Amino acid sequence: MNSIGSFHNIIYKKFNEEDLLKGLFIAVIHATRVPPHIGLITDGKYNSLTIKGHDINTTFSALLKNTVQRKIPTLFIKIKSHNTFSSNYLNDHIISNVQQFDRVDVGLATCLSPVKLFFEEVYNVSMEDINFLFELIPKLYSENLIENYSALFIDEKKYVLPVYSNAEIYSGITQVRNEIR
């Protein structure tokens, strides 16, 4: 995998809704936008930290319906199963990580914050130097934690994770905050 996070070395699997109902996935929503939004799916339950606060136990079918209706470019990155913990434990842990933050806000937290905590605590992967999604994916790949990925509304042969700065994250947060007012 190259330094900008291309997916050329990761196995692509044709999107199948049923596949996302079992296992652990990173959902990269608006995957072509700077910055993209991320959350975690475990056994069909989506959890993430947003500008509005906590998005807890949203059903995958609701997430998929919104994605399809709005044709949102989305990646689903399957994480290899953790043999020690049940899916209920993993989901509870994800929720706990999301709830450690009030909301996404400049200087406080991003949607990556609870994801980093999760991988540090559950998979024992150091997140010390991880500040962006384009750093997280290569790190998880190097730790042999990525099983495969699927995509909606993305040309998987050409896709490369967007590279962005903290300034662009803060600008994106401000823009979305203004849109929801």
N, C-alpha and C. Protein backbone atom coordinates (compact mmCIF):
# COMPACT_ATOMS: atom_id res chain seq x y z
N MET A 1 0.85 -1.18 0.00
CA MET A 1 0.00 0.00 0.00
C MET A 1 0.89 1.23 0.00
N ASN A 2 0.59 2.18 -0.85
CA ASN A 2 1.47 3.35 -0.90
C ASN A 2 1.09 4.36 0.17
N SER A 3 1.88 5.40 0.30
CA SER A 3 1.74 6.34 1.41
C SER A 3 0.46 7.16 1.36
N ILE A 4 -0.20 7.23 0.21
CA ILE A 4 -1.43 8.01 0.18
C ILE A 4 -2.67 7.13 0.33
N GLY A 5 -2.44 5.87 0.65
CA GLY A 5 -3.58 5.03 1.01
C GLY A 5 -4.36 4.47 -0.14
N SER A 6 -3.72 4.13 -1.24
CA SER A 6 -4.48 3.50 -2.31
C SER A 6 -4.92 2.12 -1.84
N PHE A 7 -5.89 1.55 -2.51
CA PHE A 7 -6.45 0.27 -2.11
C PHE A 7 -5.98 -0.85 -3.01
N HIS A 8 -4.93 -0.63 -3.79
CA HIS A 8 -4.51 -1.62 -4.79
C HIS A 8 -4.09 -2.95 -4.19
N ASN A 9 -3.59 -2.97 -2.97
CA ASN A 9 -3.15 -4.22 -2.35
C ASN A 9 -4.23 -4.88 -1.49
N ILE A 10 -5.33 -4.23 -1.30
CA ILE A 10 -6.41 -4.78 -0.48
C ILE A 10 -7.41 -5.49 -1.39
N ILE A 11 -7.85 -6.64 -0.95
CA ILE A 11 -8.79 -7.43 -1.75
C ILE A 11 -10.13 -6.70 -1.87
N TYR A 12 -10.58 -6.52 -3.11
CA TYR A 12 -11.89 -5.93 -3.37
C TYR A 12 -12.92 -7.04 -3.45
N LYS A 13 -14.04 -6.82 -2.80
CA LYS A 13 -15.14 -7.77 -2.83
C LYS A 13 -16.38 -7.03 -3.30
N LYS A 14 -17.06 -7.56 -4.30
CA LYS A 14 -18.27 -6.92 -4.81
C LYS A 14 -19.25 -6.67 -3.67
N PHE A 15 -19.84 -5.47 -3.65
CA PHE A 15 -20.76 -5.10 -2.58
C PHE A 15 -21.93 -6.08 -2.49
N ASN A 16 -22.20 -6.53 -1.28
CA ASN A 16 -23.33 -7.39 -0.99
C ASN A 16 -23.84 -7.00 0.39
N GLU A 17 -25.06 -6.50 0.43
CA GLU A 17 -25.64 -6.01 1.68
C GLU A 17 -25.56 -7.05 2.80
N GLU A 18 -25.80 -8.30 2.47
CA GLU A 18 -25.78 -9.38 3.48
C GLU A 18 -24.42 -9.51 4.16
N ASP A 19 -23.35 -9.25 3.42
CA ASP A 19 -22.00 -9.37 3.99
C ASP A 19 -21.78 -8.41 5.15
N LEU A 20 -22.46 -7.28 5.12
CA LEU A 20 -22.23 -6.26 6.14
C LEU A 20 -23.07 -6.45 7.40
N LEU A 21 -23.84 -7.51 7.43
CA LEU A 21 -24.66 -7.78 8.61
C LEU A 21 -23.92 -8.61 9.65
N LYS A 22 -22.76 -9.15 9.29
CA LYS A 22 -21.94 -9.93 10.22
C LYS A 22 -20.50 -9.45 10.15
N GLY A 23 -19.92 -9.18 11.28
CA GLY A 23 -18.52 -8.77 11.32
C GLY A 23 -18.36 -7.29 11.62
N LEU A 24 -17.10 -6.87 11.61
CA LEU A 24 -16.72 -5.51 11.94
C LEU A 24 -16.21 -4.80 10.69
N PHE A 25 -16.70 -3.57 10.47
CA PHE A 25 -16.33 -2.78 9.29
C PHE A 25 -16.08 -1.33 9.68
N ILE A 26 -15.17 -0.72 8.97
CA ILE A 26 -15.05 0.74 8.99
C ILE A 26 -15.89 1.23 7.83
N ALA A 27 -16.83 2.12 8.09
CA ALA A 27 -17.63 2.73 7.02
C ALA A 27 -17.03 4.10 6.73
N VAL A 28 -16.62 4.30 5.49
CA VAL A 28 -16.08 5.59 5.05
C VAL A 28 -17.15 6.23 4.17
N ILE A 29 -17.86 7.18 4.74
CA ILE A 29 -19.00 7.81 4.08
C ILE A 29 -18.53 9.12 3.45
N HIS A 30 -19.04 9.41 2.24
CA HIS A 30 -18.53 10.54 1.45
C HIS A 30 -17.03 10.31 1.23
N ALA A 31 -16.71 9.11 0.80
CA ALA A 31 -15.32 8.65 0.71
C ALA A 31 -14.46 9.46 -0.26
N THR A 32 -15.09 10.21 -1.16
CA THR A 32 -14.32 11.02 -2.11
C THR A 32 -14.24 12.48 -1.68
N ARG A 33 -14.90 12.83 -0.60
CA ARG A 33 -14.94 14.21 -0.11
C ARG A 33 -13.77 14.45 0.86
N VAL A 34 -13.40 15.69 1.00
CA VAL A 34 -12.38 16.10 1.97
C VAL A 34 -13.06 16.92 3.04
N PRO A 35 -13.03 16.46 4.29
CA PRO A 35 -12.64 15.13 4.73
C PRO A 35 -13.81 14.17 4.63
N PRO A 36 -13.55 12.87 4.51
CA PRO A 36 -14.64 11.89 4.55
C PRO A 36 -15.12 11.72 5.99
N HIS A 37 -16.23 11.03 6.17
CA HIS A 37 -16.74 10.74 7.52
C HIS A 37 -16.59 9.24 7.76
N ILE A 38 -16.24 8.87 8.98
CA ILE A 38 -16.11 7.44 9.27
C ILE A 38 -16.86 7.04 10.53
N GLY A 39 -17.25 5.77 10.54
CA GLY A 39 -17.87 5.16 11.69
C GLY A 39 -17.56 3.68 11.65
N LEU A 40 -18.03 2.97 12.65
CA LEU A 40 -17.81 1.53 12.72
C LEU A 40 -19.14 0.79 12.67
N ILE A 41 -19.14 -0.32 11.95
CA ILE A 41 -20.31 -1.19 11.87
C ILE A 41 -19.93 -2.52 12.48
N THR A 42 -20.74 -3.00 13.40
CA THR A 42 -20.55 -4.35 13.90
C THR A 42 -21.89 -5.07 13.87
N ASP A 43 -21.89 -6.18 13.15
CA ASP A 43 -23.10 -7.00 12.98
C ASP A 43 -24.32 -6.16 12.63
N GLY A 44 -24.15 -5.27 11.66
CA GLY A 44 -25.26 -4.50 11.13
C GLY A 44 -25.67 -3.29 11.95
N LYS A 45 -24.87 -2.92 12.96
CA LYS A 45 -25.15 -1.73 13.77
C LYS A 45 -24.05 -0.71 13.54
N TYR A 46 -24.46 0.49 13.13
CA TYR A 46 -23.52 1.57 12.80
C TYR A 46 -23.43 2.55 13.96
N ASN A 47 -22.19 2.91 14.31
CA ASN A 47 -21.94 3.87 15.38
C ASN A 47 -20.88 4.87 14.93
N SER A 48 -21.13 6.15 15.21
CA SER A 48 -20.12 7.16 14.87
C SER A 48 -20.33 8.41 15.71
N LEU A 49 -19.32 9.24 15.70
CA LEU A 49 -19.37 10.55 16.34
C LEU A 49 -19.61 11.57 15.25
N THR A 50 -20.59 12.45 15.45
CA THR A 50 -20.93 13.44 14.44
C THR A 50 -20.95 14.84 15.04
N ILE A 51 -21.18 15.81 14.21
CA ILE A 51 -21.30 17.19 14.67
C ILE A 51 -22.51 17.34 15.60
N LYS A 52 -23.55 16.56 15.34
CA LYS A 52 -24.75 16.61 16.18
C LYS A 52 -24.59 15.83 17.48
N GLY A 53 -23.60 14.94 17.54
CA GLY A 53 -23.38 14.14 18.74
C GLY A 53 -23.11 12.69 18.40
N HIS A 54 -23.84 11.81 19.06
CA HIS A 54 -23.63 10.37 18.91
C HIS A 54 -24.63 9.76 17.95
N ASP A 55 -24.13 8.97 17.03
CA ASP A 55 -24.98 8.17 16.16
C ASP A 55 -24.77 6.73 16.64
N ILE A 56 -25.72 6.23 17.42
CA ILE A 56 -25.57 4.96 18.14
C ILE A 56 -26.57 3.93 17.61
N ASN A 57 -26.03 2.75 17.30
CA ASN A 57 -26.84 1.59 16.89
C ASN A 57 -27.83 1.88 15.76
N THR A 58 -27.43 2.70 14.82
CA THR A 58 -28.24 2.91 13.62
C THR A 58 -28.18 1.61 12.82
N THR A 59 -29.32 1.16 12.35
CA THR A 59 -29.31 -0.10 11.59
C THR A 59 -28.58 0.10 10.27
N PHE A 60 -27.92 -0.95 9.83
CA PHE A 60 -27.23 -0.88 8.55
C PHE A 60 -28.22 -0.60 7.43
N SER A 61 -29.43 -1.14 7.52
CA SER A 61 -30.42 -0.90 6.46
C SER A 61 -30.76 0.58 6.36
N ALA A 62 -30.83 1.30 7.47
CA ALA A 62 -31.11 2.74 7.43
C ALA A 62 -29.92 3.49 6.82
N LEU A 63 -28.71 3.10 7.20
CA LEU A 63 -27.51 3.71 6.63
C LEU A 63 -27.46 3.46 5.13
N LEU A 64 -27.73 2.23 4.72
CA LEU A 64 -27.70 1.87 3.31
C LEU A 64 -28.77 2.61 2.52
N LYS A 65 -29.96 2.72 3.07
CA LYS A 65 -31.05 3.42 2.39
C LYS A 65 -30.64 4.87 2.09
N ASN A 66 -30.08 5.55 3.08
CA ASN A 66 -29.63 6.93 2.90
C ASN A 66 -28.50 7.00 1.87
N THR A 67 -27.57 6.06 1.94
CA THR A 67 -26.45 6.02 1.00
C THR A 67 -26.93 5.85 -0.43
N VAL A 68 -27.85 4.94 -0.64
CA VAL A 68 -28.35 4.65 -1.98
C VAL A 68 -29.21 5.82 -2.50
N GLN A 69 -30.12 6.32 -1.66
CA GLN A 69 -30.99 7.43 -2.10
C GLN A 69 -30.18 8.65 -2.52
N ARG A 70 -29.13 8.95 -1.78
CA ARG A 70 -28.33 10.14 -2.06
C ARG A 70 -27.08 9.84 -2.89
N LYS A 71 -26.91 8.56 -3.28
CA LYS A 71 -25.75 8.12 -4.08
C LYS A 71 -24.44 8.60 -3.47
N ILE A 72 -24.27 8.33 -2.20
CA ILE A 72 -23.10 8.76 -1.45
C ILE A 72 -21.96 7.76 -1.67
N PRO A 73 -20.82 8.21 -2.17
CA PRO A 73 -19.66 7.31 -2.32
C PRO A 73 -19.24 6.79 -0.94
N THR A 74 -19.29 5.47 -0.78
CA THR A 74 -19.04 4.86 0.52
C THR A 74 -18.18 3.61 0.38
N LEU A 75 -17.22 3.48 1.29
CA LEU A 75 -16.39 2.29 1.39
C LEU A 75 -16.78 1.53 2.64
N PHE A 76 -16.69 0.22 2.56
CA PHE A 76 -16.89 -0.64 3.72
C PHE A 76 -15.65 -1.50 3.83
N ILE A 77 -14.84 -1.26 4.85
CA ILE A 77 -13.58 -1.95 5.02
C ILE A 77 -13.75 -3.00 6.12
N LYS A 78 -13.68 -4.26 5.72
CA LYS A 78 -13.88 -5.35 6.67
C LYS A 78 -12.61 -5.59 7.48
N ILE A 79 -12.79 -5.60 8.80
CA ILE A 79 -11.70 -5.84 9.73
C ILE A 79 -11.73 -7.32 10.12
N LYS A 80 -10.57 -7.94 10.16
CA LYS A 80 -10.50 -9.36 10.54
C LYS A 80 -11.09 -9.55 11.93
N SER A 81 -11.76 -10.67 12.11
CA SER A 81 -12.46 -10.91 13.37
C SER A 81 -11.47 -11.03 14.53
N HIS A 82 -11.95 -10.61 15.66
CA HIS A 82 -11.18 -10.69 16.90
C HIS A 82 -11.67 -11.93 17.63
N ASN A 83 -10.86 -12.94 17.68
CA ASN A 83 -11.29 -14.24 18.21
C ASN A 83 -11.63 -14.21 19.70
N THR A 84 -11.15 -13.23 20.42
CA THR A 84 -11.36 -13.19 21.86
C THR A 84 -12.72 -12.62 22.26
N PHE A 85 -13.22 -11.65 21.50
CA PHE A 85 -14.40 -10.91 21.92
C PHE A 85 -15.62 -11.19 21.05
N SER A 86 -16.78 -11.22 21.69
CA SER A 86 -18.03 -11.40 20.95
C SER A 86 -18.40 -10.11 20.24
N SER A 87 -19.30 -10.22 19.26
CA SER A 87 -19.74 -9.02 18.53
C SER A 87 -20.49 -8.07 19.46
N ASN A 88 -21.21 -8.59 20.44
CA ASN A 88 -21.89 -7.71 21.39
C ASN A 88 -20.89 -6.91 22.21
N TYR A 89 -19.82 -7.56 22.64
CA TYR A 89 -18.78 -6.86 23.38
C TYR A 89 -18.16 -5.77 22.50
N LEU A 90 -17.85 -6.11 21.26
CA LEU A 90 -17.24 -5.13 20.35
C LEU A 90 -18.16 -3.94 20.15
N ASN A 91 -19.46 -4.20 19.93
CA ASN A 91 -20.41 -3.11 19.72
C ASN A 91 -20.52 -2.24 20.98
N ASP A 92 -20.59 -2.87 22.14
CA ASP A 92 -20.65 -2.10 23.40
C ASP A 92 -19.39 -1.25 23.56
N HIS A 93 -18.25 -1.80 23.17
CA HIS A 93 -16.99 -1.08 23.29
C HIS A 93 -16.97 0.12 22.33
N ILE A 94 -17.45 -0.10 21.12
CA ILE A 94 -17.54 1.00 20.15
C ILE A 94 -18.42 2.11 20.69
N ILE A 95 -19.58 1.75 21.22
CA ILE A 95 -20.50 2.75 21.78
C ILE A 95 -19.82 3.52 22.90
N SER A 96 -19.14 2.81 23.78
CA SER A 96 -18.42 3.45 24.88
C SER A 96 -17.38 4.43 24.35
N ASN A 97 -16.66 4.05 23.30
CA ASN A 97 -15.66 4.94 22.71
C ASN A 97 -16.31 6.18 22.10
N VAL A 98 -17.42 6.02 21.41
CA VAL A 98 -18.13 7.16 20.82
C VAL A 98 -18.61 8.10 21.93
N GLN A 99 -19.13 7.52 23.01
CA GLN A 99 -19.70 8.34 24.08
C GLN A 99 -18.66 9.05 24.94
N GLN A 100 -17.39 8.76 24.71
CA GLN A 100 -16.33 9.48 25.44
C GLN A 100 -16.18 10.92 24.94
N PHE A 101 -16.84 11.23 23.83
CA PHE A 101 -16.78 12.57 23.24
C PHE A 101 -18.20 13.10 23.11
N ASP A 102 -18.38 14.41 23.31
CA ASP A 102 -19.71 15.00 23.18
C ASP A 102 -20.16 15.05 21.73
N ARG A 103 -19.24 15.47 20.86
CA ARG A 103 -19.57 15.65 19.45
C ARG A 103 -18.27 15.96 18.70
N VAL A 104 -18.35 15.94 17.38
CA VAL A 104 -17.25 16.40 16.55
C VAL A 104 -17.21 17.92 16.66
N ASP A 105 -16.05 18.46 16.96
CA ASP A 105 -15.92 19.91 17.03
C ASP A 105 -14.45 20.29 16.89
N VAL A 106 -14.22 21.47 16.37
CA VAL A 106 -12.86 21.96 16.15
C VAL A 106 -12.09 21.94 17.47
N GLY A 107 -10.94 21.29 17.46
CA GLY A 107 -10.09 21.25 18.64
C GLY A 107 -10.51 20.25 19.71
N LEU A 108 -11.69 19.62 19.56
CA LEU A 108 -12.16 18.67 20.57
C LEU A 108 -12.03 17.23 20.09
N ALA A 109 -12.69 16.92 18.99
CA ALA A 109 -12.71 15.54 18.50
C ALA A 109 -13.14 15.53 17.04
N THR A 110 -12.73 14.49 16.32
CA THR A 110 -13.21 14.24 14.97
C THR A 110 -13.90 12.88 14.98
N CYS A 111 -14.48 12.50 13.89
CA CYS A 111 -15.11 11.18 13.80
C CYS A 111 -14.07 10.07 13.93
N LEU A 112 -12.80 10.39 13.70
CA LEU A 112 -11.73 9.42 13.86
C LEU A 112 -11.40 9.14 15.32
N SER A 113 -11.68 10.07 16.21
CA SER A 113 -11.29 9.95 17.62
C SER A 113 -11.76 8.65 18.28
N PRO A 114 -13.07 8.31 18.22
CA PRO A 114 -13.48 7.05 18.86
C PRO A 114 -12.98 5.81 18.12
N VAL A 115 -12.75 5.92 16.82
CA VAL A 115 -12.23 4.80 16.04
C VAL A 115 -10.81 4.48 16.48
N LYS A 116 -10.01 5.52 16.68
CA LYS A 116 -8.65 5.33 17.17
C LYS A 116 -8.65 4.66 18.54
N LEU A 117 -9.50 5.13 19.44
CA LEU A 117 -9.60 4.52 20.77
C LEU A 117 -9.94 3.04 20.67
N PHE A 118 -10.89 2.73 19.80
CA PHE A 118 -11.33 1.35 19.63
C PHE A 118 -10.17 0.45 19.21
N PHE A 119 -9.43 0.85 18.19
CA PHE A 119 -8.34 0.00 17.70
C PHE A 119 -7.18 -0.08 18.68
N GLU A 120 -6.98 0.98 19.44
CA GLU A 120 -5.95 0.95 20.46
C GLU A 120 -6.32 -0.02 21.58
N GLU A 121 -7.55 0.09 22.06
CA GLU A 121 -7.98 -0.70 23.21
C GLU A 121 -8.29 -2.16 22.88
N VAL A 122 -8.96 -2.40 21.76
CA VAL A 122 -9.41 -3.76 21.44
C VAL A 122 -8.37 -4.54 20.65
N TYR A 123 -7.72 -3.89 19.69
CA TYR A 123 -6.75 -4.58 18.85
C TYR A 123 -5.30 -4.29 19.24
N ASN A 124 -5.11 -3.44 20.25
CA ASN A 124 -3.79 -3.11 20.76
C ASN A 124 -2.86 -2.56 19.66
N VAL A 125 -3.42 -1.69 18.82
CA VAL A 125 -2.66 -1.06 17.74
C VAL A 125 -2.38 0.38 18.16
N SER A 126 -1.12 0.75 18.18
CA SER A 126 -0.74 2.10 18.56
C SER A 126 -1.31 3.11 17.56
N MET A 127 -1.98 4.11 18.08
CA MET A 127 -2.56 5.17 17.25
C MET A 127 -1.85 6.50 17.49
N GLU A 128 -0.70 6.43 18.11
CA GLU A 128 0.04 7.63 18.50
C GLU A 128 0.29 8.58 17.33
N ASP A 129 0.65 8.04 16.16
CA ASP A 129 0.97 8.88 15.01
C ASP A 129 -0.14 8.91 13.97
N ILE A 130 -1.35 8.50 14.35
CA ILE A 130 -2.47 8.44 13.41
C ILE A 130 -3.38 9.63 13.68
N ASN A 131 -3.50 10.50 12.67
CA ASN A 131 -4.35 11.69 12.82
C ASN A 131 -5.40 11.82 11.73
N PHE A 132 -5.30 10.96 10.71
CA PHE A 132 -6.19 11.05 9.56
C PHE A 132 -6.55 9.64 9.09
N LEU A 133 -7.65 9.54 8.38
CA LEU A 133 -8.07 8.26 7.82
C LEU A 133 -7.01 7.71 6.88
N PHE A 134 -6.39 8.58 6.07
CA PHE A 134 -5.37 8.11 5.12
C PHE A 134 -4.12 7.59 5.82
N GLU A 135 -3.99 7.81 7.13
CA GLU A 135 -2.93 7.20 7.92
C GLU A 135 -3.42 5.92 8.61
N LEU A 136 -4.69 5.92 8.99
CA LEU A 136 -5.27 4.77 9.69
C LEU A 136 -5.30 3.52 8.82
N ILE A 137 -5.78 3.65 7.60
CA ILE A 137 -5.95 2.47 6.74
C ILE A 137 -4.61 1.78 6.46
N PRO A 138 -3.56 2.50 6.06
CA PRO A 138 -2.27 1.81 5.89
C PRO A 138 -1.76 1.17 7.18
N LYS A 139 -2.02 1.81 8.32
CA LYS A 139 -1.60 1.24 9.61
C LYS A 139 -2.31 -0.09 9.86
N LEU A 140 -3.63 -0.11 9.66
CA LEU A 140 -4.39 -1.35 9.87
C LEU A 140 -3.96 -2.41 8.86
N TYR A 141 -3.66 -2.00 7.65
CA TYR A 141 -3.18 -2.93 6.62
C TYR A 141 -1.84 -3.53 7.05
N SER A 142 -0.94 -2.69 7.55
CA SER A 142 0.39 -3.18 7.97
C SER A 142 0.29 -4.11 9.17
N GLU A 143 -0.77 -3.96 9.97
CA GLU A 143 -1.01 -4.83 11.12
C GLU A 143 -1.78 -6.09 10.72
N ASN A 144 -2.04 -6.23 9.42
CA ASN A 144 -2.76 -7.39 8.87
C ASN A 144 -4.18 -7.51 9.44
N LEU A 145 -4.84 -6.38 9.61
CA LEU A 145 -6.19 -6.38 10.18
C LEU A 145 -7.29 -6.20 9.13
N ILE A 146 -6.93 -5.84 7.91
CA ILE A 146 -7.94 -5.62 6.88
C ILE A 146 -8.13 -6.89 6.07
N GLU A 147 -9.37 -7.35 6.04
CA GLU A 147 -9.70 -8.57 5.30
C GLU A 147 -10.01 -8.27 3.84
N ASN A 148 -10.88 -7.26 3.61
CA ASN A 148 -11.25 -6.87 2.26
C ASN A 148 -12.02 -5.56 2.33
N TYR A 149 -12.46 -5.09 1.19
CA TYR A 149 -13.32 -3.91 1.19
C TYR A 149 -14.32 -4.03 0.05
N SER A 150 -15.42 -3.32 0.20
CA SER A 150 -16.41 -3.19 -0.86
C SER A 150 -16.77 -1.71 -0.95
N ALA A 151 -17.45 -1.36 -2.04
CA ALA A 151 -17.72 0.05 -2.27
C ALA A 151 -19.06 0.25 -2.96
N LEU A 152 -19.65 1.39 -2.69
CA LEU A 152 -20.85 1.86 -3.40
C LEU A 152 -20.55 3.22 -3.99
N PHE A 153 -20.90 3.40 -5.27
CA PHE A 153 -20.76 4.68 -5.97
C PHE A 153 -19.31 5.16 -6.04
N ILE A 154 -18.38 4.19 -6.14
CA ILE A 154 -16.95 4.47 -6.25
C ILE A 154 -16.37 3.53 -7.30
N ASP A 155 -15.49 4.06 -8.13
CA ASP A 155 -14.74 3.22 -9.06
C ASP A 155 -13.56 2.63 -8.29
N GLU A 156 -13.71 1.40 -7.85
CA GLU A 156 -12.69 0.79 -6.99
C GLU A 156 -11.33 0.64 -7.66
N LYS A 157 -11.29 0.65 -8.98
CA LYS A 157 -10.01 0.52 -9.67
C LYS A 157 -9.19 1.81 -9.62
N LYS A 158 -9.85 2.93 -9.46
CA LYS A 158 -9.16 4.23 -9.47
C LYS A 158 -9.13 4.91 -8.11
N TYR A 159 -9.86 4.39 -7.15
CA TYR A 159 -10.02 5.08 -5.88
C TYR A 159 -8.73 5.16 -5.08
N VAL A 160 -8.47 6.35 -4.54
CA VAL A 160 -7.39 6.59 -3.60
C VAL A 160 -7.98 7.43 -2.47
N LEU A 161 -7.66 7.06 -1.23
CA LEU A 161 -8.15 7.86 -0.11
C LEU A 161 -7.73 9.31 -0.25
N PRO A 162 -8.64 10.25 0.01
CA PRO A 162 -8.24 11.65 -0.06
C PRO A 162 -7.21 11.99 1.03
N VAL A 163 -6.26 12.81 0.68
CA VAL A 163 -5.28 13.33 1.62
C VAL A 163 -5.70 14.76 1.95
N TYR A 164 -5.68 15.09 3.23
CA TYR A 164 -6.18 16.39 3.67
C TYR A 164 -5.43 16.81 4.93
N SER A 165 -5.69 18.03 5.36
CA SER A 165 -5.01 18.60 6.53
C SER A 165 -6.00 18.86 7.65
N ASN A 166 -5.49 19.19 8.83
CA ASN A 166 -6.36 19.58 9.94
C ASN A 166 -7.18 20.81 9.57
N ALA A 167 -6.58 21.74 8.85
CA ALA A 167 -7.31 22.94 8.44
C ALA A 167 -8.52 22.57 7.60
N GLU A 168 -8.37 21.58 6.72
CA GLU A 168 -9.51 21.14 5.90
C GLU A 168 -10.56 20.42 6.73
N ILE A 169 -10.14 19.69 7.76
CA ILE A 169 -11.11 19.07 8.67
C ILE A 169 -11.91 20.16 9.38
N TYR A 170 -11.20 21.14 9.93
CA TYR A 170 -11.86 22.22 10.66
C TYR A 170 -12.80 23.01 9.76
N SER A 171 -12.38 23.24 8.53
CA SER A 171 -13.23 23.93 7.56
C SER A 171 -14.49 23.11 7.28
N GLY A 172 -14.32 21.79 7.12
CA GLY A 172 -15.46 20.90 6.88
C GLY A 172 -16.43 20.89 8.04
N ILE A 173 -15.89 20.87 9.27
CA ILE A 173 -16.74 20.91 10.47
C ILE A 173 -17.54 22.20 10.50
N THR A 174 -16.88 23.32 10.24
CA THR A 174 -17.54 24.62 10.25
C THR A 174 -18.63 24.68 9.17
N GLN A 175 -18.33 24.16 8.00
CA GLN A 175 -19.30 24.17 6.89
C GLN A 175 -20.54 23.36 7.25
N VAL A 176 -20.34 22.15 7.76
CA VAL A 176 -21.49 21.30 8.12
C VAL A 176 -22.28 21.93 9.26
N ARG A 177 -21.58 22.50 10.24
CA ARG A 177 -22.28 23.17 11.36
C ARG A 177 -23.17 24.29 10.84
N ASN A 178 -22.68 25.07 9.89
CA ASN A 178 -23.47 26.16 9.30
C ASN A 178 -24.67 25.63 8.51
N GLU A 179 -24.50 24.47 7.86
CA GLU A 179 -25.59 23.89 7.08
C GLU A 179 -26.72 23.37 7.97
N ILE A 180 -26.41 22.91 9.17
CA ILE A 180 -27.47 22.33 10.03
C ILE A 180 -28.13 23.37 10.92
N ARG A 181 -27.65 24.58 10.90
CA ARG A 181 -28.28 25.64 11.71
C ARG A 181 -29.55 26.13 11.11
